[in-house]
Amino acid sequence: MRNNYQSEGKSQKRYYFTRKKYCLFCKEKIKFIDYKDFRTLGNYILETGKILPARVSGTCGYHQKQLTKAIKRARHMGLLKFVEPRRG
């Protein structure tokens, strides 16, 4: 019995197409991420309250650092929750 990855003794790797991630803040030419814009910041927070990493969200390093600071400031000001309540 053969695996899907092997055919006639040769191993074949399956390659998947992944779209290149890009920074939305660079695209819209945003220089400073404001902590008061909690609706935008909410898109970069998981349901558990964790901040999305740059490799997942696609933000550049410059904007990721600003995003992290803005989310933390918004949490301390009470605009965002630290942890979302459990569902279920």
N, C-alpha and C. Protein backbone atom coordinates (compact mmCIF):
# COMPACT_ATOMS: atom_id res chain seq x y z
N MET A 1 0.84 -1.17 0.00
CA MET A 1 0.00 0.00 0.00
C MET A 1 0.89 1.24 0.00
N ARG A 2 0.59 2.19 -0.88
CA ARG A 2 1.41 3.38 -1.02
C ARG A 2 0.74 4.57 -0.35
N ASN A 3 1.58 5.46 0.12
CA ASN A 3 1.07 6.72 0.64
C ASN A 3 0.74 7.66 -0.50
N ASN A 4 0.00 8.68 -0.21
CA ASN A 4 -0.30 9.68 -1.24
C ASN A 4 0.94 10.47 -1.64
N TYR A 5 1.95 10.50 -0.77
CA TYR A 5 3.14 11.29 -1.03
C TYR A 5 4.17 10.53 -1.86
N GLN A 6 4.03 9.21 -1.97
CA GLN A 6 5.01 8.43 -2.69
C GLN A 6 4.36 7.77 -3.90
N SER A 7 5.08 7.87 -5.00
CA SER A 7 4.62 7.16 -6.19
C SER A 7 5.84 6.51 -6.85
N GLU A 8 5.80 5.22 -6.95
CA GLU A 8 6.85 4.43 -7.59
C GLU A 8 8.22 4.69 -6.99
N GLY A 9 8.32 4.75 -5.66
CA GLY A 9 9.61 4.85 -5.01
C GLY A 9 10.13 6.27 -4.84
N LYS A 10 9.62 7.23 -5.56
CA LYS A 10 10.09 8.60 -5.43
C LYS A 10 9.17 9.36 -4.49
N SER A 11 9.77 10.19 -3.67
CA SER A 11 8.94 10.98 -2.75
C SER A 11 8.60 12.31 -3.42
N GLN A 12 7.37 12.66 -3.33
CA GLN A 12 6.91 13.93 -3.89
C GLN A 12 6.37 14.78 -2.77
N LYS A 13 6.76 16.05 -2.78
CA LYS A 13 6.24 16.97 -1.78
C LYS A 13 5.11 17.77 -2.39
N ARG A 14 4.11 18.02 -1.57
CA ARG A 14 2.99 18.82 -2.02
C ARG A 14 3.24 20.26 -1.61
N TYR A 15 3.14 21.16 -2.56
CA TYR A 15 3.36 22.56 -2.29
C TYR A 15 2.02 23.28 -2.32
N TYR A 16 1.81 24.12 -1.35
CA TYR A 16 0.57 24.87 -1.26
C TYR A 16 0.85 26.34 -1.52
N PHE A 17 -0.06 26.97 -2.22
CA PHE A 17 0.08 28.38 -2.52
C PHE A 17 -0.36 29.20 -1.31
N THR A 18 0.50 30.06 -0.85
CA THR A 18 0.15 30.97 0.24
C THR A 18 0.34 32.40 -0.25
N ARG A 19 -0.65 33.20 0.03
CA ARG A 19 -0.59 34.60 -0.38
C ARG A 19 0.37 35.35 0.52
N LYS A 20 1.16 36.24 -0.08
CA LYS A 20 2.11 37.02 0.71
C LYS A 20 1.36 37.98 1.62
N LYS A 21 1.74 38.00 2.90
CA LYS A 21 1.09 38.88 3.85
C LYS A 21 1.69 40.28 3.71
N TYR A 22 0.88 41.27 3.92
CA TYR A 22 1.37 42.64 3.84
C TYR A 22 0.78 43.44 4.98
N CYS A 23 1.45 44.51 5.31
CA CYS A 23 1.06 45.35 6.43
C CYS A 23 -0.03 46.32 5.98
N LEU A 24 -1.21 46.23 6.59
CA LEU A 24 -2.31 47.13 6.23
C LEU A 24 -2.01 48.57 6.63
N PHE A 25 -1.23 48.74 7.69
CA PHE A 25 -0.90 50.09 8.13
C PHE A 25 0.04 50.77 7.14
N CYS A 26 0.97 50.02 6.57
CA CYS A 26 1.86 50.58 5.54
C CYS A 26 1.09 50.89 4.27
N LYS A 27 0.13 50.02 3.95
CA LYS A 27 -0.67 50.21 2.74
C LYS A 27 -1.49 51.49 2.83
N GLU A 28 -2.07 51.76 4.01
CA GLU A 28 -2.89 52.95 4.20
C GLU A 28 -2.06 54.16 4.65
N LYS A 29 -0.73 53.98 4.71
CA LYS A 29 0.22 55.04 5.07
C LYS A 29 -0.10 55.66 6.43
N ILE A 30 -0.35 54.79 7.41
CA ILE A 30 -0.60 55.24 8.78
C ILE A 30 0.74 55.30 9.50
N LYS A 31 1.08 56.48 10.01
CA LYS A 31 2.35 56.66 10.70
C LYS A 31 2.26 56.27 12.17
N PHE A 32 1.11 56.55 12.80
CA PHE A 32 0.96 56.32 14.24
C PHE A 32 -0.36 55.60 14.49
N ILE A 33 -0.30 54.53 15.26
CA ILE A 33 -1.50 53.77 15.61
C ILE A 33 -2.03 54.31 16.94
N ASP A 34 -3.25 54.81 16.91
CA ASP A 34 -3.83 55.45 18.08
C ASP A 34 -4.55 54.42 18.95
N TYR A 35 -4.36 54.51 20.26
CA TYR A 35 -4.98 53.56 21.17
C TYR A 35 -6.48 53.79 21.30
N LYS A 36 -6.96 54.97 20.91
CA LYS A 36 -8.39 55.29 21.04
C LYS A 36 -9.23 54.65 19.93
N ASP A 37 -8.58 54.16 18.89
CA ASP A 37 -9.28 53.49 17.79
C ASP A 37 -9.43 52.00 18.13
N PHE A 38 -10.29 51.70 19.09
CA PHE A 38 -10.40 50.33 19.61
C PHE A 38 -11.04 49.38 18.62
N ARG A 39 -11.79 49.88 17.66
CA ARG A 39 -12.40 48.98 16.66
C ARG A 39 -11.33 48.35 15.76
N THR A 40 -10.37 49.15 15.37
CA THR A 40 -9.27 48.63 14.56
C THR A 40 -8.39 47.69 15.38
N LEU A 41 -8.13 48.08 16.62
CA LEU A 41 -7.28 47.26 17.48
C LEU A 41 -7.94 45.91 17.78
N GLY A 42 -9.25 45.87 17.82
CA GLY A 42 -9.97 44.63 18.10
C GLY A 42 -9.76 43.57 17.04
N ASN A 43 -9.41 43.98 15.82
CA ASN A 43 -9.15 43.01 14.75
C ASN A 43 -7.85 42.25 14.96
N TYR A 44 -6.98 42.77 15.81
CA TYR A 44 -5.68 42.16 16.04
C TYR A 44 -5.59 41.45 17.39
N ILE A 45 -6.74 41.12 17.97
CA ILE A 45 -6.78 40.41 19.23
C ILE A 45 -7.58 39.12 19.03
N LEU A 46 -7.06 38.02 19.55
CA LEU A 46 -7.77 36.74 19.48
C LEU A 46 -8.94 36.73 20.45
N GLU A 47 -9.78 35.73 20.34
CA GLU A 47 -10.94 35.59 21.22
C GLU A 47 -10.52 35.40 22.67
N THR A 48 -9.34 34.82 22.88
CA THR A 48 -8.85 34.60 24.23
C THR A 48 -8.22 35.84 24.83
N GLY A 49 -8.03 36.89 24.04
CA GLY A 49 -7.45 38.13 24.53
C GLY A 49 -5.99 38.30 24.15
N LYS A 50 -5.43 37.34 23.46
CA LYS A 50 -4.03 37.44 23.06
C LYS A 50 -3.87 38.33 21.84
N ILE A 51 -2.72 38.96 21.73
CA ILE A 51 -2.41 39.81 20.58
C ILE A 51 -1.89 38.91 19.46
N LEU A 52 -2.39 39.14 18.24
CA LEU A 52 -1.93 38.34 17.10
C LEU A 52 -0.47 38.65 16.80
N PRO A 53 0.36 37.63 16.56
CA PRO A 53 1.75 37.88 16.19
C PRO A 53 1.86 38.42 14.76
N ALA A 54 2.99 39.03 14.46
CA ALA A 54 3.19 39.64 13.15
C ALA A 54 3.19 38.60 12.03
N ARG A 55 3.65 37.39 12.33
CA ARG A 55 3.69 36.36 11.28
C ARG A 55 2.30 35.92 10.88
N VAL A 56 1.31 36.11 11.76
CA VAL A 56 -0.06 35.75 11.45
C VAL A 56 -0.81 36.94 10.84
N SER A 57 -0.66 38.10 11.46
CA SER A 57 -1.42 39.27 11.00
C SER A 57 -0.80 39.90 9.76
N GLY A 58 0.51 39.75 9.57
CA GLY A 58 1.16 40.30 8.39
C GLY A 58 1.68 41.71 8.59
N THR A 59 1.59 42.26 9.78
CA THR A 59 2.09 43.61 10.00
C THR A 59 3.61 43.60 10.04
N CYS A 60 4.21 44.75 9.66
CA CYS A 60 5.66 44.87 9.70
C CYS A 60 6.10 45.06 11.14
N GLY A 61 7.38 44.96 11.38
CA GLY A 61 7.90 45.06 12.73
C GLY A 61 7.66 46.42 13.37
N TYR A 62 7.78 47.47 12.59
CA TYR A 62 7.57 48.83 13.08
C TYR A 62 6.14 49.02 13.59
N HIS A 63 5.18 48.58 12.77
CA HIS A 63 3.78 48.75 13.15
C HIS A 63 3.34 47.72 14.20
N GLN A 64 3.97 46.56 14.23
CA GLN A 64 3.62 45.56 15.23
C GLN A 64 3.95 46.07 16.63
N LYS A 65 5.08 46.74 16.75
CA LYS A 65 5.47 47.29 18.05
C LYS A 65 4.49 48.38 18.48
N GLN A 66 4.10 49.24 17.54
CA GLN A 66 3.11 50.29 17.84
C GLN A 66 1.76 49.68 18.18
N LEU A 67 1.39 48.63 17.46
CA LEU A 67 0.11 47.96 17.69
C LEU A 67 0.06 47.36 19.08
N THR A 68 1.14 46.73 19.50
CA THR A 68 1.20 46.12 20.82
C THR A 68 1.06 47.18 21.91
N LYS A 69 1.77 48.29 21.76
CA LYS A 69 1.68 49.37 22.74
C LYS A 69 0.28 49.96 22.78
N ALA A 70 -0.33 50.14 21.61
CA ALA A 70 -1.67 50.72 21.54
C ALA A 70 -2.70 49.81 22.20
N ILE A 71 -2.59 48.50 21.97
CA ILE A 71 -3.53 47.55 22.58
C ILE A 71 -3.39 47.56 24.09
N LYS A 72 -2.15 47.58 24.57
CA LYS A 72 -1.93 47.60 26.02
C LYS A 72 -2.46 48.88 26.64
N ARG A 73 -2.26 50.01 25.96
CA ARG A 73 -2.78 51.28 26.47
C ARG A 73 -4.30 51.28 26.49
N ALA A 74 -4.91 50.75 25.43
CA ALA A 74 -6.37 50.70 25.36
C ALA A 74 -6.94 49.79 26.45
N ARG A 75 -6.23 48.74 26.80
CA ARG A 75 -6.67 47.86 27.88
C ARG A 75 -6.64 48.59 29.21
N HIS A 76 -5.57 49.34 29.46
CA HIS A 76 -5.45 50.06 30.72
C HIS A 76 -6.45 51.20 30.83
N MET A 77 -6.83 51.78 29.70
CA MET A 77 -7.81 52.86 29.71
C MET A 77 -9.24 52.32 29.77
N GLY A 78 -9.40 51.02 29.60
CA GLY A 78 -10.72 50.41 29.69
C GLY A 78 -11.46 50.33 28.38
N LEU A 79 -10.78 50.59 27.27
CA LEU A 79 -11.43 50.52 25.96
C LEU A 79 -11.50 49.09 25.43
N LEU A 80 -10.52 48.27 25.81
CA LEU A 80 -10.49 46.86 25.41
C LEU A 80 -10.44 46.00 26.66
N LYS A 81 -10.96 44.79 26.54
CA LYS A 81 -10.91 43.85 27.67
C LYS A 81 -9.59 43.10 27.66
N PHE A 82 -9.12 42.75 28.86
CA PHE A 82 -7.90 41.96 28.95
C PHE A 82 -8.16 40.54 28.47
N VAL A 83 -9.26 39.94 28.93
CA VAL A 83 -9.63 38.59 28.56
C VAL A 83 -11.11 38.59 28.23
N GLU A 84 -11.49 37.95 27.14
CA GLU A 84 -12.89 37.83 26.78
C GLU A 84 -13.57 36.80 27.68
N PRO A 85 -14.82 37.01 28.04
CA PRO A 85 -15.52 36.00 28.85
C PRO A 85 -15.71 34.70 28.06
N ARG A 86 -15.71 33.58 28.78
CA ARG A 86 -15.88 32.29 28.14
C ARG A 86 -17.28 32.14 27.56
N ARG A 87 -17.31 31.51 26.40
CA ARG A 87 -18.61 31.24 25.78
C ARG A 87 -18.99 29.81 26.07
N GLY A 88 -20.24 29.61 26.44
CA GLY A 88 -20.70 28.25 26.62
C GLY A 88 -20.83 27.79 27.99
